[in-house]
């Protein structure tokens, strides 16, 4: 069975990373955190957002 996702991100950093996208109203929306070494399938609604912008930020401790 195929997944409903078409875009994957892998975290190669030694710390967890938050994945964000920018929506049409220029708001920044959190998609998901991703753990070190993990692979995450980005939802299609974020992939096909009109802005086409993704941002990644190392998660803060505590």
C-alpha atoms as a PDB file:
ATOM      1  CA  UNK A   1       0.000   0.000   0.000  1.00  0.00           C
ATOM      2  CA  UNK A   2       1.379   3.425  -0.941  1.00  0.00           C
ATOM      3  CA  UNK A   3       1.587   6.271   1.548  1.00  0.00           C
ATOM      4  CA  UNK A   4      -0.376   9.507   1.094  1.00  0.00           C
ATOM      5  CA  UNK A   5       2.917  11.382   1.330  1.00  0.00           C
ATOM      6  CA  UNK A   6       5.338  12.284  -1.417  1.00  0.00           C
ATOM      7  CA  UNK A   7       8.079  14.278   0.298  1.00  0.00           C
ATOM      8  CA  UNK A   8      10.374  12.911   2.975  1.00  0.00           C
ATOM      9  CA  UNK A   9      12.844  14.620   5.299  1.00  0.00           C
ATOM     10  CA  UNK A  10      15.602  12.902   7.256  1.00  0.00           C
ATOM     11  CA  UNK A  11      17.210  14.474  10.297  1.00  0.00           C
ATOM     12  CA  UNK A  12      20.986  14.034  10.027  1.00  0.00           C
ATOM     13  CA  UNK A  13      21.634  16.247  13.066  1.00  0.00           C
ATOM     14  CA  UNK A  14      22.391  14.888  16.555  1.00  0.00           C
ATOM     15  CA  UNK A  15      19.440  16.871  18.015  1.00  0.00           C
ATOM     16  CA  UNK A  16      15.660  16.836  17.339  1.00  0.00           C
ATOM     17  CA  UNK A  17      14.480  19.339  14.726  1.00  0.00           C
ATOM     18  CA  UNK A  18      11.081  21.059  14.313  1.00  0.00           C
ATOM     19  CA  UNK A  19       9.746  21.210  10.731  1.00  0.00           C
ATOM     20  CA  UNK A  20       7.619  24.222   9.778  1.00  0.00           C
ATOM     21  CA  UNK A  21       5.945  25.510   6.637  1.00  0.00           C
ATOM     22  CA  UNK A  22       4.694  28.974   5.704  1.00  0.00           C
ATOM     23  CA  UNK A  23       1.011  29.141   4.779  1.00  0.00           C
ATOM     24  CA  UNK A  24      -0.725  31.480   2.324  1.00  0.00           C
ATOM     25  CA  UNK A  25      -1.349  34.094   5.038  1.00  0.00           C
ATOM     26  CA  UNK A  26       2.419  34.097   5.799  1.00  0.00           C
ATOM     27  CA  UNK A  27       1.837  32.327   9.094  1.00  0.00           C
ATOM     28  CA  UNK A  28       4.429  29.794  10.205  1.00  0.00           C
ATOM     29  CA  UNK A  29       2.894  26.418  11.061  1.00  0.00           C
ATOM     30  CA  UNK A  30       4.593  23.557  12.889  1.00  0.00           C
ATOM     31  CA  UNK A  31       4.355  20.310  10.931  1.00  0.00           C
ATOM     32  CA  UNK A  32       6.170  17.985  13.299  1.00  0.00           C
ATOM     33  CA  UNK A  33       9.301  17.444  15.338  1.00  0.00           C
ATOM     34  CA  UNK A  34      11.715  14.858  13.936  1.00  0.00           C
ATOM     35  CA  UNK A  35      14.186  12.927  16.059  1.00  0.00           C
ATOM     36  CA  UNK A  36      17.881  12.420  15.169  1.00  0.00           C
ATOM     37  CA  UNK A  37      18.250   9.827  12.425  1.00  0.00           C
ATOM     38  CA  UNK A  38      14.495   9.674  11.811  1.00  0.00           C
ATOM     39  CA  UNK A  39      12.751   9.892   8.446  1.00  0.00           C
ATOM     40  CA  UNK A  40       9.501  11.898   8.265  1.00  0.00           C
ATOM     41  CA  UNK A  41       6.927  11.968   5.455  1.00  0.00           C
ATOM     42  CA  UNK A  42       5.700  15.531   5.047  1.00  0.00           C
ATOM     43  CA  UNK A  43       1.890  15.791   4.604  1.00  0.00           C
ATOM     44  CA  UNK A  44       0.701  16.754   1.138  1.00  0.00           C
ATOM     45  CA  UNK A  45      -1.169  19.849   2.386  1.00  0.00           C
ATOM     46  CA  UNK A  46       2.198  21.344   3.402  1.00  0.00           C
ATOM     47  CA  UNK A  47       4.024  20.212   0.259  1.00  0.00           C
ATOM     48  CA  UNK A  48       1.461  21.855  -2.035  1.00  0.00           C
ATOM     49  CA  UNK A  49       1.006  25.067  -0.014  1.00  0.00           C
ATOM     50  CA  UNK A  50       1.196  28.068  -2.357  1.00  0.00           C
ATOM     51  CA  UNK A  51       4.258  29.551  -0.619  1.00  0.00           C
ATOM     52  CA  UNK A  52       6.386  26.425  -1.086  1.00  0.00           C
ATOM     53  CA  UNK A  53       8.475  27.374   1.957  1.00  0.00           C
ATOM     54  CA  UNK A  54       9.789  25.002   4.614  1.00  0.00           C
ATOM     55  CA  UNK A  55      11.832  25.912   7.678  1.00  0.00           C
ATOM     56  CA  UNK A  56      13.820  23.742  10.060  1.00  0.00           C
ATOM     57  CA  UNK A  57      14.829  24.631  13.605  1.00  0.00           C
ATOM     58  CA  UNK A  58      16.782  22.600  16.157  1.00  0.00           C
ATOM     59  CA  UNK A  59      14.509  22.041  19.159  1.00  0.00           C
ATOM     60  CA  UNK A  60      15.297  23.913  22.341  1.00  0.00           C
ATOM     61  CA  UNK A  61      16.102  21.973  25.514  1.00  0.00           C
ATOM     62  CA  UNK A  62      13.402  21.919  28.190  1.00  0.00           C
END
